Protein backbone atom coordinates (compact mmCIF):
# COMPACT_ATOMS: atom_id res chain seq x y z
CA MET A 1 106.12 127.39 125.17
CA VAL A 2 105.95 124.00 123.41
CA ASP A 3 105.13 120.88 125.43
CA HIS A 4 107.44 118.44 123.65
CA ASP A 5 106.08 115.40 125.51
CA GLN A 6 102.53 116.24 124.45
CA ALA A 7 103.65 116.96 120.89
CA ALA A 8 105.40 113.57 120.70
CA SER A 9 102.34 111.85 122.13
CA ASP A 10 100.00 113.57 119.66
CA HIS A 11 102.27 112.61 116.76
CA ALA A 12 102.44 108.97 117.86
CA GLY A 13 98.68 108.81 118.36
CA GLY A 14 98.06 110.28 114.93
CA TYR A 15 100.48 107.85 113.29
CA TRP A 16 98.83 104.76 114.81
CA ASP A 17 95.35 106.17 114.15
CA ASP A 18 96.28 106.40 110.48
CA GLN A 19 97.69 102.87 110.50
CA ALA A 20 94.48 101.51 112.02
CA ARG A 21 92.27 103.37 109.53
CA THR A 22 94.18 102.84 106.30
CA SER A 23 96.15 99.60 106.61
CA PRO A 24 94.08 96.96 108.44
CA GLU A 25 94.52 94.48 105.59
CA GLN A 26 98.29 94.52 106.18
CA PHE A 27 97.83 93.25 109.73
CA ASN A 28 94.68 91.15 109.68
CA PHE A 29 96.03 87.62 109.16
CA PRO A 30 93.75 85.50 111.39
CA LEU A 31 96.05 82.48 111.61
CA TRP A 32 99.08 84.64 112.44
CA ARG A 33 97.07 86.48 115.07
CA ARG A 34 96.08 83.14 116.62
CA TYR A 35 99.70 82.04 116.73
CA CYS A 36 100.83 85.27 118.41
CA ASP A 37 98.00 85.02 120.94
CA LEU A 38 98.80 81.39 121.75
CA LEU A 39 102.52 82.08 122.08
CA HIS A 40 102.08 85.02 124.44
CA SER A 41 99.36 83.24 126.41
CA ARG A 42 101.67 80.27 126.99
CA TRP A 43 104.45 82.65 128.02
CA LEU A 44 102.29 84.39 130.61
CA ARG A 45 100.81 81.20 132.03
CA SER A 46 104.21 79.51 132.32
CA TRP A 47 105.61 82.39 134.36
CA LEU A 48 102.58 83.48 136.37
CA LYS A 49 101.31 79.94 137.10
CA SER A 50 98.13 80.14 139.18
CA ARG A 51 98.67 83.67 140.51
CA THR A 52 95.75 86.07 140.33
CA PHE A 53 95.72 89.84 140.52
CA THR A 54 93.46 92.66 141.66
CA LYS A 55 94.28 95.22 139.00
CA VAL A 56 95.91 94.41 135.65
CA LEU A 57 97.22 96.75 132.93
CA LYS A 58 97.94 95.79 129.30
CA THR A 59 100.02 98.29 127.32
CA ASP A 60 98.97 98.76 123.69
CA LEU A 61 95.81 97.21 122.33
CA PHE A 62 96.92 96.41 118.79
CA GLU A 63 96.30 92.67 119.11
CA GLU A 64 93.05 93.16 121.03
CA ALA A 65 91.78 95.56 118.34
CA LEU A 66 92.41 93.03 115.57
CA GLY A 67 91.50 89.80 117.36
CA ASP A 68 91.50 88.09 120.73
CA GLY A 69 94.88 89.30 121.93
CA LEU A 70 95.50 88.63 125.61
CA ALA A 71 92.16 89.96 126.86
CA ASP A 72 90.72 86.54 127.78
CA VAL A 73 93.95 85.37 129.43
CA LEU A 74 94.22 88.54 131.51
CA ALA A 75 90.58 88.17 132.54
CA THR A 76 91.37 84.70 133.96
CA LEU A 77 94.30 86.20 135.89
CA THR A 78 92.10 88.90 137.43
CA LEU A 79 90.36 88.19 140.72
CA PRO A 80 86.54 88.38 140.89
CA GLY A 81 85.72 92.03 141.40
CA GLY A 82 89.12 93.04 140.05
CA GLU A 83 89.83 95.27 137.07
CA CYS A 84 91.56 94.63 133.75
CA HIS A 85 92.74 97.82 132.02
CA GLY A 86 94.27 98.51 128.62
CA VAL A 87 95.98 101.61 127.27
CA ASP A 88 96.84 102.62 123.71
CA VAL A 89 98.14 105.84 122.20
CA SER A 90 95.68 105.44 119.29
CA SER A 91 92.08 106.38 119.98
CA VAL A 92 91.04 104.29 116.95
CA LEU A 93 92.74 101.12 118.23
CA ALA A 94 91.44 101.76 121.74
CA ALA A 95 87.87 102.03 120.44
CA GLN A 96 88.23 98.90 118.31
CA ALA A 97 89.63 96.95 121.28
CA LEU A 98 86.76 98.08 123.50
CA LYS A 99 84.22 97.03 120.88
CA ARG A 100 85.74 93.53 120.74
CA HIS A 101 86.35 93.26 124.50
CA PRO A 102 83.75 95.35 126.35
CA SER A 103 84.90 94.12 129.76
CA LEU A 104 88.25 95.92 129.32
CA ARG A 105 88.64 99.33 130.93
CA VAL A 106 90.25 101.17 128.03
CA HIS A 107 92.35 104.34 128.22
CA CYS A 108 93.81 106.42 125.41
CA GLY A 109 97.28 107.61 126.33
CA ASP A 110 101.01 107.44 125.68
CA VAL A 111 103.05 104.87 127.61
CA ARG A 112 105.73 107.55 128.03
CA CYS A 113 103.26 109.64 130.02
CA LEU A 114 100.48 107.36 131.23
CA PRO A 115 97.15 108.98 132.14
CA LEU A 116 96.97 106.74 135.22
CA ALA A 117 97.47 107.19 138.95
CA ALA A 118 100.61 105.90 140.63
CA GLU A 119 101.04 102.57 142.43
CA GLN A 120 97.79 100.87 141.48
CA PHE A 121 98.49 97.86 139.20
CA ASP A 122 99.74 94.58 140.63
CA LEU A 123 100.35 93.18 137.12
CA VAL A 124 101.51 95.06 134.02
CA VAL A 125 101.86 93.21 130.70
CA SER A 126 103.78 95.00 127.96
CA ASP A 127 104.28 92.83 124.88
CA SER A 128 106.46 94.56 122.28
CA THR A 129 105.07 98.01 123.08
CA LEU A 130 108.27 99.83 123.96
CA ASP A 131 110.27 99.00 120.82
CA HIS A 132 108.56 101.60 118.63
CA PHE A 133 110.45 104.70 119.80
CA ALA A 134 113.19 106.44 117.83
CA HIS A 135 115.42 107.29 120.81
CA PRO A 136 116.70 105.25 123.80
CA ALA A 137 115.60 107.97 126.23
CA GLU A 138 111.97 107.41 125.21
CA LEU A 139 112.17 103.71 126.04
CA GLN A 140 113.76 104.56 129.40
CA LYS A 141 110.98 107.04 130.12
CA ALA A 142 108.32 104.43 129.30
CA LEU A 143 109.95 101.92 131.66
CA SER A 144 109.95 104.58 134.37
CA GLU A 145 106.23 105.21 133.78
CA LEU A 146 105.43 101.50 134.09
CA HIS A 147 107.34 101.46 137.39
CA ARG A 148 105.37 104.51 138.58
CA VAL A 149 101.91 103.02 138.02
CA MET A 150 102.80 99.62 139.53
CA ALA A 151 101.85 98.80 143.09
CA PRO A 152 104.70 97.77 145.42
CA GLY A 153 105.12 94.02 145.01
CA GLY A 154 103.56 94.14 141.54
CA LEU A 155 104.84 92.16 138.56
CA LEU A 156 105.93 93.38 135.13
CA ALA A 157 105.87 90.94 132.18
CA LEU A 158 107.71 92.63 129.32
CA THR A 159 108.86 91.72 125.80
CA LEU A 160 110.91 93.69 123.27
CA ASP A 161 112.33 92.93 119.84
CA ASN A 162 115.57 91.01 120.26
CA PRO A 163 118.46 93.06 118.76
CA GLN A 164 120.58 89.89 118.47
CA HIS A 165 118.12 88.20 116.13
CA PRO A 166 119.70 88.44 112.65
CA LEU A 167 116.60 89.84 110.94
CA VAL A 168 115.98 92.40 113.69
CA ALA A 169 119.64 93.44 113.53
CA LEU A 170 119.51 93.83 109.74
CA ARG A 171 116.21 95.68 109.91
CA ASN A 172 117.50 98.16 112.47
CA HIS A 173 120.86 98.60 110.74
CA PHE A 174 119.35 99.34 107.34
CA GLY A 175 116.24 101.12 108.63
CA GLY A 176 115.36 104.10 106.52
CA PRO A 177 112.64 105.50 104.30
CA TRP A 178 111.19 102.05 103.62
CA MET A 179 110.52 101.49 107.35
CA GLY A 180 106.76 101.51 107.78
CA ARG A 181 106.15 101.47 104.04
CA SER A 182 106.78 97.87 103.03
CA ALA A 183 105.02 94.53 103.31
CA VAL A 184 107.99 93.26 105.31
CA MET A 185 107.64 96.03 107.90
CA PRO A 186 104.37 97.94 107.43
CA TYR A 187 104.78 100.05 110.60
CA PHE A 188 107.58 101.92 112.34
CA VAL A 189 109.86 100.06 114.73
CA GLY A 190 112.64 101.67 116.69
CA HIS A 191 115.22 101.32 119.42
CA THR A 192 115.26 98.11 121.42
CA LEU A 193 117.37 96.38 124.08
CA GLY A 194 118.88 92.94 124.56
CA LEU A 195 118.42 91.00 127.79
CA ARG A 196 121.57 92.37 129.39
CA GLN A 197 120.78 96.00 128.63
CA LEU A 198 117.11 95.62 129.53
CA SER A 199 118.03 93.94 132.82
CA GLY A 200 120.33 96.85 133.60
CA GLU A 201 117.63 99.44 132.90
CA LEU A 202 115.12 97.61 135.09
CA ARG A 203 117.58 97.19 137.96
CA ALA A 204 118.41 100.89 137.76
CA LEU A 205 114.72 101.65 138.32
CA GLY A 206 114.67 99.37 141.35
CA PHE A 207 113.05 96.27 139.87
CA GLU A 208 113.93 92.76 141.00
CA LEU A 209 114.43 90.39 138.06
CA LEU A 210 112.67 87.03 138.37
CA CYS A 211 112.82 85.32 134.93
CA ASP A 212 114.12 85.97 131.45
CA ASP A 213 113.82 84.15 128.14
CA HIS A 214 113.69 84.48 124.35
CA LEU A 215 110.36 84.01 122.53
CA MET A 216 109.13 83.31 118.99
CA HIS A 217 111.77 80.99 117.58
CA ALA A 218 109.73 80.14 114.48
CA PRO A 219 110.99 81.82 111.27
CA ARG A 220 108.79 84.86 111.75
CA LEU A 221 108.91 86.44 108.31
CA LEU A 222 108.30 83.16 106.48
CA ALA A 223 105.59 82.05 108.91
CA LEU A 224 103.76 85.39 108.74
CA HIS A 225 103.49 85.30 104.96
CA LEU A 226 102.66 81.58 104.83
CA SER A 227 99.81 82.26 107.25
CA ARG A 228 98.22 84.46 104.59
CA LEU A 229 97.90 81.42 102.32
CA TRP A 230 96.97 78.82 104.96
CA PRO A 231 93.33 78.10 105.92
CA ALA A 232 92.40 79.89 109.13
CA GLU A 233 90.49 76.91 110.57
CA GLY A 234 90.52 73.12 110.40
CA PRO A 235 93.15 70.35 110.71
CA ALA A 236 95.66 72.11 108.44
CA ALA A 237 95.51 75.28 110.55
CA HIS A 238 95.88 73.19 113.72
CA TRP A 239 98.98 71.51 112.28
CA PHE A 240 100.44 74.85 111.22
CA LEU A 241 99.99 76.32 114.71
CA ARG A 242 101.45 73.23 116.41
CA SER A 243 104.47 73.38 114.10
CA LEU A 244 105.17 77.02 114.90
CA LEU A 245 104.76 76.50 118.65
CA ALA A 246 107.06 73.46 118.52
CA CYS A 247 109.85 75.80 117.43
CA GLU A 248 109.87 77.19 120.98
CA GLY A 249 111.95 74.14 121.88
CA LEU A 250 114.86 76.10 120.41
CA ALA A 251 114.75 78.24 123.55
CA ARG A 252 116.63 75.44 125.33
CA LEU A 253 119.63 75.67 123.00
CA PRO A 254 122.67 77.93 123.46
CA THR A 255 121.67 79.68 120.22
CA ALA A 256 118.36 80.89 121.71
CA ARG A 257 119.59 84.48 121.90
CA PHE A 258 119.88 84.50 118.10
CA SER A 259 116.76 82.51 117.15
CA GLY A 260 114.22 84.21 119.43
CA HIS A 261 112.54 87.24 117.90
CA PHE A 262 111.70 88.68 121.33
CA VAL A 263 113.47 89.04 124.65
CA ALA A 264 111.17 88.53 127.63
CA ILE A 265 111.56 89.46 131.30
CA LEU A 266 109.46 89.04 134.42
CA ALA A 267 110.33 91.62 137.07
CA ARG A 268 108.91 92.70 140.42
CA LYS A 269 108.64 96.14 141.97
CA PRO A 270 109.82 95.61 145.55
CA LYS A 271 107.50 96.28 148.44
CA ALA A 272 108.36 99.30 150.53
CA PRO A 273 110.36 98.31 153.64
CA ALA A 274 108.37 98.30 156.84
CA SER A 275 108.88 101.44 158.88
CA SER A 276 110.55 101.15 162.28
CA PRO A 277 108.27 101.38 165.31
């Protein structure tokens, strides 16, 4: 009898292992990595404020394997004596992330079937992890797994590719053999959800929705390739980063749902109701 879940997990792990081994030069743009880290750090801090957590989980360690990622930010959100965990389907990326960030507790596993006990994390951060599956049911299963491992009252900070962004829409409409084989899109991307659909999926699982937004309003494709030519340090790099971050002001416009590359949601898993005496 074939275990289809395990087969899918093994295939995904092998794919991302190969990406990490053979294509690091396609992803290692230091200035672009800094921009992504700053953008997501600002997003988390603006929503979580001064809250701190006992046990934190970060899904996928791609950014942490290549650079700083969110490891330092999550460490500041973790209480003294608390734990900051990360999980990735690729053993290669997991090992690279651990080497860069030895304080992380790293796990190798598939977000559709997490190798983690239930109801233990009071914060889960999932930044563009769940938009790499071919079928909607896989994304739904991953959301269900995140709900399972979260403690009652825990928070979920989640981003996905925005299907209303023109470039994302074109990419997904014309996806085909070139997907994962071009400089424009060097890895596989898959099904995603807009804010309305994502909100519906989370409510169906029992989450309470607290905040939503659109992120990364800078012209992503242009900025990514310009960052390859820009100096990684110094006044010019500082100006470049400030210019990209200034584009987040577009989030206040009615057109934000088209200019933001990501949809973002903060949700809470409700606490269990108190039992009657």
